[in-house]
């Protein structure tokens, strides 16, 4: 009886291992050191669950101790696993970690975490498009995404509120003619609704600089 039970358990584990391997036939891996923290490294593994989605598991190692494991998912038929270890939060006091999710209209979605200098606890900041520190809004991050409807593109501005990345403002760009753009400043409400606040017309040259975060739009 004991031999039969042992054999059954062994077959079960072989089945589980084989099934897991088959489910994760399309696997991607990425490794990085968190540049702002000594002795902290990251290992991420993306495992496909279908042709368009999958799971990403991220191990964060602190001085080679047992890792803290983070999770997110991705949605993209052409997904590429990438890590952003250059972003920082809290006026450069906290290291950031971003992992690509392939979500969003442009497929540039990321999931972000904040890693304190002690390495723990790691704070989940949520999903956002790929962000960069905004040059003109202190403590804010921004990104340009393509759009539909009345705007050709929109630059969104994100801030951290209650340990979550939240879109607070946006600037929409609509071509008027071959020489100018209508530029609309919007406030993003708590419910996610965009409310127009101000509007102005910019030359195509200045509008392009504003789109790309090179000059302040207001």
C-alpha atoms as a PDB file:
ATOM      1  CA  UNK A   1       0.000   0.000   0.000  1.00  0.00           C
ATOM      2  CA  UNK A   2       2.807   2.400   0.943  1.00  0.00           C
ATOM      3  CA  UNK A   3       4.662   1.599  -2.288  1.00  0.00           C
ATOM      4  CA  UNK A   4       1.493   2.241  -4.316  1.00  0.00           C
ATOM      5  CA  UNK A   5       0.971   5.592  -2.515  1.00  0.00           C
ATOM      6  CA  UNK A   6       4.585   6.601  -3.141  1.00  0.00           C
ATOM      7  CA  UNK A   7       4.273   5.726  -6.815  1.00  0.00           C
ATOM      8  CA  UNK A   8       1.004   7.672  -7.100  1.00  0.00           C
ATOM      9  CA  UNK A   9       2.551  10.771  -5.459  1.00  0.00           C
ATOM     10  CA  UNK A  10       5.590  10.554  -7.735  1.00  0.00           C
ATOM     11  CA  UNK A  11       3.388  10.338 -10.832  1.00  0.00           C
ATOM     12  CA  UNK A  12       1.345  13.287  -9.556  1.00  0.00           C
ATOM     13  CA  UNK A  13       4.421  15.487  -9.111  1.00  0.00           C
ATOM     14  CA  UNK A  14       5.714  14.466 -12.538  1.00  0.00           C
ATOM     15  CA  UNK A  15       2.326  15.378 -14.022  1.00  0.00           C
ATOM     16  CA  UNK A  16       2.286  18.766 -12.255  1.00  0.00           C
ATOM     17  CA  UNK A  17       5.836  19.537 -13.332  1.00  0.00           C
ATOM     18  CA  UNK A  18       5.159  18.501 -16.927  1.00  0.00           C
ATOM     19  CA  UNK A  19       1.931  20.497 -17.046  1.00  0.00           C
ATOM     20  CA  UNK A  20       3.593  23.615 -15.610  1.00  0.00           C
ATOM     21  CA  UNK A  21       6.444  23.307 -18.105  1.00  0.00           C
ATOM     22  CA  UNK A  22       3.987  22.929 -20.977  1.00  0.00           C
ATOM     23  CA  UNK A  23       1.987  25.955 -19.820  1.00  0.00           C
ATOM     24  CA  UNK A  24       5.164  28.030 -19.646  1.00  0.00           C
ATOM     25  CA  UNK A  25       6.744  26.946 -22.916  1.00  0.00           C
ATOM     26  CA  UNK A  26       7.039  30.610 -23.973  1.00  0.00           C
ATOM     27  CA  UNK A  27       9.122  32.053 -21.138  1.00  0.00           C
ATOM     28  CA  UNK A  28      11.079  35.301 -20.886  1.00  0.00           C
ATOM     29  CA  UNK A  29      13.572  36.269 -18.199  1.00  0.00           C
ATOM     30  CA  UNK A  30      15.201  39.543 -17.168  1.00  0.00           C
ATOM     31  CA  UNK A  31      17.715  40.402 -14.439  1.00  0.00           C
ATOM     32  CA  UNK A  32      18.890  43.713 -13.038  1.00  0.00           C
ATOM     33  CA  UNK A  33      20.448  45.394 -10.027  1.00  0.00           C
ATOM     34  CA  UNK A  34      18.590  48.227  -8.355  1.00  0.00           C
ATOM     35  CA  UNK A  35      21.133  50.962  -8.912  1.00  0.00           C
ATOM     36  CA  UNK A  36      19.989  53.069  -5.971  1.00  0.00           C
ATOM     37  CA  UNK A  37      20.298  50.229  -3.450  1.00  0.00           C
ATOM     38  CA  UNK A  38      23.383  48.237  -2.538  1.00  0.00           C
ATOM     39  CA  UNK A  39      23.031  44.474  -2.646  1.00  0.00           C
ATOM     40  CA  UNK A  40      19.535  44.469  -4.125  1.00  0.00           C
ATOM     41  CA  UNK A  41      18.911  42.581  -7.361  1.00  0.00           C
ATOM     42  CA  UNK A  42      15.837  41.616  -9.349  1.00  0.00           C
ATOM     43  CA  UNK A  43      14.993  38.502 -11.338  1.00  0.00           C
ATOM     44  CA  UNK A  44      11.792  38.497 -13.396  1.00  0.00           C
ATOM     45  CA  UNK A  45      10.193  35.609 -15.260  1.00  0.00           C
ATOM     46  CA  UNK A  46       7.262  36.075 -17.661  1.00  0.00           C
ATOM     47  CA  UNK A  47       5.231  32.952 -18.349  1.00  0.00           C
ATOM     48  CA  UNK A  48       2.639  32.863 -21.135  1.00  0.00           C
ATOM     49  CA  UNK A  49      -0.857  31.613 -20.375  1.00  0.00           C
ATOM     50  CA  UNK A  50      -2.268  32.246 -23.855  1.00  0.00           C
ATOM     51  CA  UNK A  51      -1.255  33.914 -27.121  1.00  0.00           C
ATOM     52  CA  UNK A  52      -2.111  37.316 -25.670  1.00  0.00           C
ATOM     53  CA  UNK A  53      -1.585  37.142 -21.904  1.00  0.00           C
ATOM     54  CA  UNK A  54       0.551  35.743 -19.125  1.00  0.00           C
ATOM     55  CA  UNK A  55       1.947  36.111 -15.627  1.00  0.00           C
ATOM     56  CA  UNK A  56       5.112  37.861 -14.486  1.00  0.00           C
ATOM     57  CA  UNK A  57       6.841  36.784 -11.275  1.00  0.00           C
ATOM     58  CA  UNK A  58       9.528  39.095  -9.876  1.00  0.00           C
ATOM     59  CA  UNK A  59      11.971  38.033  -7.162  1.00  0.00           C
ATOM     60  CA  UNK A  60      13.670  40.905  -5.309  1.00  0.00           C
ATOM     61  CA  UNK A  61      16.833  39.761  -3.504  1.00  0.00           C
ATOM     62  CA  UNK A  62      18.242  41.758  -0.585  1.00  0.00           C
ATOM     63  CA  UNK A  63      21.835  40.734   0.219  1.00  0.00           C
ATOM     64  CA  UNK A  64      21.103  37.257  -1.173  1.00  0.00           C
ATOM     65  CA  UNK A  65      18.493  36.621   1.480  1.00  0.00           C
ATOM     66  CA  UNK A  66      15.219  34.846   0.745  1.00  0.00           C
ATOM     67  CA  UNK A  67      13.586  36.973  -1.948  1.00  0.00           C
ATOM     68  CA  UNK A  68      10.392  38.973  -1.788  1.00  0.00           C
ATOM     69  CA  UNK A  69       8.243  37.816  -4.712  1.00  0.00           C
ATOM     70  CA  UNK A  70       6.036  40.262  -6.602  1.00  0.00           C
ATOM     71  CA  UNK A  71       3.465  39.512  -9.281  1.00  0.00           C
ATOM     72  CA  UNK A  72       1.780  41.233 -12.182  1.00  0.00           C
ATOM     73  CA  UNK A  73       0.276  40.141 -15.489  1.00  0.00           C
ATOM     74  CA  UNK A  74       0.722  41.135 -19.094  1.00  0.00           C
ATOM     75  CA  UNK A  75      -1.616  41.540 -22.064  1.00  0.00           C
ATOM     76  CA  UNK A  76      -0.019  41.706 -25.490  1.00  0.00           C
ATOM     77  CA  UNK A  77       0.442  39.323 -28.441  1.00  0.00           C
ATOM     78  CA  UNK A  78       3.936  40.783 -28.934  1.00  0.00           C
ATOM     79  CA  UNK A  79       4.943  41.095 -25.287  1.00  0.00           C
ATOM     80  CA  UNK A  80       8.562  41.836 -24.367  1.00  0.00           C
ATOM     81  CA  UNK A  81       9.638  41.631 -20.718  1.00  0.00           C
ATOM     82  CA  UNK A  82      11.548  44.752 -19.666  1.00  0.00           C
ATOM     83  CA  UNK A  83      12.582  46.218 -16.317  1.00  0.00           C
ATOM     84  CA  UNK A  84      12.833  49.908 -15.414  1.00  0.00           C
ATOM     85  CA  UNK A  85      15.302  50.336 -12.553  1.00  0.00           C
ATOM     86  CA  UNK A  86      16.143  53.974 -13.272  1.00  0.00           C
ATOM     87  CA  UNK A  87      12.947  55.523 -11.915  1.00  0.00           C
ATOM     88  CA  UNK A  88      12.926  56.902  -8.352  1.00  0.00           C
ATOM     89  CA  UNK A  89      10.228  58.257  -6.060  1.00  0.00           C
ATOM     90  CA  UNK A  90       9.969  60.548  -3.004  1.00  0.00           C
ATOM     91  CA  UNK A  91      12.490  63.065  -4.381  1.00  0.00           C
ATOM     92  CA  UNK A  92      14.997  60.279  -5.135  1.00  0.00           C
ATOM     93  CA  UNK A  93      14.693  58.871  -1.604  1.00  0.00           C
ATOM     94  CA  UNK A  94      13.035  55.637  -2.750  1.00  0.00           C
ATOM     95  CA  UNK A  95      14.152  53.352  -5.541  1.00  0.00           C
ATOM     96  CA  UNK A  96      11.514  52.485  -8.119  1.00  0.00           C
ATOM     97  CA  UNK A  97      10.983  49.300 -10.063  1.00  0.00           C
ATOM     98  CA  UNK A  98       8.883  49.061 -13.197  1.00  0.00           C
ATOM     99  CA  UNK A  99       7.957  45.893 -15.087  1.00  0.00           C
ATOM    100  CA  UNK A 100       6.392  45.951 -18.542  1.00  0.00           C
ATOM    101  CA  UNK A 101       2.801  44.754 -18.892  1.00  0.00           C
ATOM    102  CA  UNK A 102       2.147  45.495 -22.574  1.00  0.00           C
ATOM    103  CA  UNK A 103      -1.177  47.088 -21.636  1.00  0.00           C
ATOM    104  CA  UNK A 104      -2.681  50.307 -22.941  1.00  0.00           C
ATOM    105  CA  UNK A 105      -3.405  51.652 -26.397  1.00  0.00           C
ATOM    106  CA  UNK A 106       0.306  51.965 -27.209  1.00  0.00           C
ATOM    107  CA  UNK A 107       1.321  48.754 -25.462  1.00  0.00           C
ATOM    108  CA  UNK A 108       3.671  50.683 -23.162  1.00  0.00           C
ATOM    109  CA  UNK A 109       1.998  49.742 -19.884  1.00  0.00           C
ATOM    110  CA  UNK A 110       4.124  49.178 -16.785  1.00  0.00           C
ATOM    111  CA  UNK A 111       3.500  48.030 -13.226  1.00  0.00           C
ATOM    112  CA  UNK A 112       5.462  49.995 -10.625  1.00  0.00           C
ATOM    113  CA  UNK A 113       6.712  49.336  -7.105  1.00  0.00           C
ATOM    114  CA  UNK A 114       8.514  51.556  -4.624  1.00  0.00           C
ATOM    115  CA  UNK A 115      11.469  49.963  -2.831  1.00  0.00           C
ATOM    116  CA  UNK A 116      12.644  51.840   0.320  1.00  0.00           C
ATOM    117  CA  UNK A 117      16.367  52.069   1.056  1.00  0.00           C
ATOM    118  CA  UNK A 118      15.992  49.284   3.629  1.00  0.00           C
ATOM    119  CA  UNK A 119      14.689  47.059   0.845  1.00  0.00           C
ATOM    120  CA  UNK A 120      11.409  46.367   2.652  1.00  0.00           C
ATOM    121  CA  UNK A 121       8.494  46.747   2.744  1.00  0.00           C
ATOM    122  CA  UNK A 122       8.038  47.036  -1.014  1.00  0.00           C
ATOM    123  CA  UNK A 123       5.028  49.205  -1.896  1.00  0.00           C
ATOM    124  CA  UNK A 124       2.810  48.358  -4.871  1.00  0.00           C
ATOM    125  CA  UNK A 125       2.077  51.583  -6.779  1.00  0.00           C
ATOM    126  CA  UNK A 126      -0.082  49.981  -9.483  1.00  0.00           C
ATOM    127  CA  UNK A 127      -0.317  50.206 -13.281  1.00  0.00           C
ATOM    128  CA  UNK A 128       0.522  53.187 -15.465  1.00  0.00           C
ATOM    129  CA  UNK A 129       1.934  53.877 -18.919  1.00  0.00           C
ATOM    130  CA  UNK A 130       5.735  53.992 -19.044  1.00  0.00           C
ATOM    131  CA  UNK A 131       6.569  57.094 -16.987  1.00  0.00           C
ATOM    132  CA  UNK A 132       9.412  59.557 -16.694  1.00  0.00           C
ATOM    133  CA  UNK A 133       9.934  62.326 -14.116  1.00  0.00           C
ATOM    134  CA  UNK A 134       8.243  65.482 -15.344  1.00  0.00           C
ATOM    135  CA  UNK A 135      10.614  68.406 -15.836  1.00  0.00           C
ATOM    136  CA  UNK A 136       8.158  71.088 -14.825  1.00  0.00           C
ATOM    137  CA  UNK A 137       5.898  69.594 -12.133  1.00  0.00           C
ATOM    138  CA  UNK A 138       7.696  68.767  -8.905  1.00  0.00           C
ATOM    139  CA  UNK A 139       7.082  65.225  -7.741  1.00  0.00           C
ATOM    140  CA  UNK A 140       5.063  64.352 -10.850  1.00  0.00           C
ATOM    141  CA  UNK A 141       5.649  61.869 -13.682  1.00  0.00           C
ATOM    142  CA  UNK A 142       4.347  62.137 -17.218  1.00  0.00           C
ATOM    143  CA  UNK A 143       3.947  60.223 -20.449  1.00  0.00           C
ATOM    144  CA  UNK A 144       2.588  60.797 -23.952  1.00  0.00           C
ATOM    145  CA  UNK A 145       0.036  58.347 -25.356  1.00  0.00           C
ATOM    146  CA  UNK A 146      -1.846  58.249 -28.646  1.00  0.00           C
ATOM    147  CA  UNK A 147      -5.554  58.907 -28.509  1.00  0.00           C
ATOM    148  CA  UNK A 148      -8.791  58.770 -30.465  1.00  0.00           C
ATOM    149  CA  UNK A 149     -11.703  61.136 -30.845  1.00  0.00           C
ATOM    150  CA  UNK A 150     -11.070  64.843 -30.411  1.00  0.00           C
ATOM    151  CA  UNK A 151      -7.397  64.467 -29.388  1.00  0.00           C
ATOM    152  CA  UNK A 152      -4.558  63.156 -31.517  1.00  0.00           C
ATOM    153  CA  UNK A 153      -2.467  62.507 -28.418  1.00  0.00           C
ATOM    154  CA  UNK A 154      -2.530  63.201 -24.680  1.00  0.00           C
ATOM    155  CA  UNK A 155       0.253  63.800 -22.181  1.00  0.00           C
ATOM    156  CA  UNK A 156      -0.797  62.450 -18.780  1.00  0.00           C
ATOM    157  CA  UNK A 157       0.636  63.608 -15.466  1.00  0.00           C
ATOM    158  CA  UNK A 158       0.800  61.158 -12.551  1.00  0.00           C
ATOM    159  CA  UNK A 159       1.419  61.682  -8.846  1.00  0.00           C
ATOM    160  CA  UNK A 160       1.666  59.272  -5.921  1.00  0.00           C
ATOM    161  CA  UNK A 161      -1.354  59.539  -3.640  1.00  0.00           C
ATOM    162  CA  UNK A 162      -1.986  57.107  -0.797  1.00  0.00           C
ATOM    163  CA  UNK A 163       0.784  54.861  -2.158  1.00  0.00           C
ATOM    164  CA  UNK A 164      -0.768  54.621  -5.635  1.00  0.00           C
ATOM    165  CA  UNK A 165       0.144  56.221  -8.947  1.00  0.00           C
ATOM    166  CA  UNK A 166      -2.807  58.402  -9.910  1.00  0.00           C
ATOM    167  CA  UNK A 167      -3.370  60.482 -13.062  1.00  0.00           C
ATOM    168  CA  UNK A 168      -4.153  64.031 -11.879  1.00  0.00           C
ATOM    169  CA  UNK A 169      -3.825  66.169 -15.027  1.00  0.00           C
ATOM    170  CA  UNK A 170      -3.614  65.753 -18.777  1.00  0.00           C
ATOM    171  CA  UNK A 171      -2.925  67.888 -21.839  1.00  0.00           C
ATOM    172  CA  UNK A 172      -4.711  67.005 -25.087  1.00  0.00           C
ATOM    173  CA  UNK A 173      -3.434  67.923 -28.545  1.00  0.00           C
ATOM    174  CA  UNK A 174      -5.693  68.470 -31.567  1.00  0.00           C
ATOM    175  CA  UNK A 175      -4.400  69.691 -34.943  1.00  0.00           C
ATOM    176  CA  UNK A 176      -6.111  72.873 -36.123  1.00  0.00           C
ATOM    177  CA  UNK A 177      -4.336  73.222 -39.452  1.00  0.00           C
ATOM    178  CA  UNK A 178      -0.903  72.535 -40.942  1.00  0.00           C
ATOM    179  CA  UNK A 179       0.661  75.227 -38.729  1.00  0.00           C
ATOM    180  CA  UNK A 180      -0.969  74.933 -35.295  1.00  0.00           C
ATOM    181  CA  UNK A 181      -2.490  72.745 -32.593  1.00  0.00           C
ATOM    182  CA  UNK A 182      -5.283  73.332 -30.095  1.00  0.00           C
ATOM    183  CA  UNK A 183      -3.904  72.385 -26.681  1.00  0.00           C
ATOM    184  CA  UNK A 184      -6.325  71.631 -23.827  1.00  0.00           C
ATOM    185  CA  UNK A 185      -5.393  71.390 -20.148  1.00  0.00           C
ATOM    186  CA  UNK A 186      -7.580  68.886 -18.279  1.00  0.00           C
ATOM    187  CA  UNK A 187      -8.048  67.879 -14.671  1.00  0.00           C
ATOM    188  CA  UNK A 188      -8.503  64.155 -13.986  1.00  0.00           C
ATOM    189  CA  UNK A 189     -11.185  63.625 -11.340  1.00  0.00           C
ATOM    190  CA  UNK A 190     -11.163  60.903  -8.684  1.00  0.00           C
ATOM    191  CA  UNK A 191     -13.491  58.836 -10.880  1.00  0.00           C
ATOM    192  CA  UNK A 192     -11.108  59.138 -13.836  1.00  0.00           C
ATOM    193  CA  UNK A 193     -13.165  61.681 -15.785  1.00  0.00           C
ATOM    194  CA  UNK A 194     -11.267  64.339 -17.777  1.00  0.00           C
ATOM    195  CA  UNK A 195     -12.545  67.898 -17.216  1.00  0.00           C
ATOM    196  CA  UNK A 196     -11.274  70.641 -19.552  1.00  0.00           C
ATOM    197  CA  UNK A 197      -9.901  73.674 -17.689  1.00  0.00           C
ATOM    198  CA  UNK A 198      -8.023  75.823 -20.183  1.00  0.00           C
ATOM    199  CA  UNK A 199      -7.391  75.913 -23.910  1.00  0.00           C
ATOM    200  CA  UNK A 200      -4.818  77.622 -26.075  1.00  0.00           C
ATOM    201  CA  UNK A 201      -3.388  77.481 -29.597  1.00  0.00           C
ATOM    202  CA  UNK A 202       0.286  76.710 -30.169  1.00  0.00           C
ATOM    203  CA  UNK A 203       2.433  76.615 -33.266  1.00  0.00           C
ATOM    204  CA  UNK A 204       3.212  73.097 -34.444  1.00  0.00           C
ATOM    205  CA  UNK A 205       6.821  73.546 -33.294  1.00  0.00           C
ATOM    206  CA  UNK A 206       5.882  74.516 -29.736  1.00  0.00           C
ATOM    207  CA  UNK A 207       3.123  71.935 -29.597  1.00  0.00           C
ATOM    208  CA  UNK A 208       5.633  69.210 -30.471  1.00  0.00           C
ATOM    209  CA  UNK A 209       7.963  70.441 -27.723  1.00  0.00           C
ATOM    210  CA  UNK A 210       5.061  70.388 -25.285  1.00  0.00           C
ATOM    211  CA  UNK A 211       3.986  66.900 -26.397  1.00  0.00           C
ATOM    212  CA  UNK A 212       7.471  65.580 -25.768  1.00  0.00           C
ATOM    213  CA  UNK A 213       7.840  67.233 -22.369  1.00  0.00           C
ATOM    214  CA  UNK A 214      10.534  69.659 -23.513  1.00  0.00           C
ATOM    215  CA  UNK A 215       8.677  72.803 -22.463  1.00  0.00           C
ATOM    216  CA  UNK A 216       5.935  73.552 -19.944  1.00  0.00           C
ATOM    217  CA  UNK A 217       2.531  73.570 -21.638  1.00  0.00           C
ATOM    218  CA  UNK A 218       1.214  76.085 -19.079  1.00  0.00           C
END
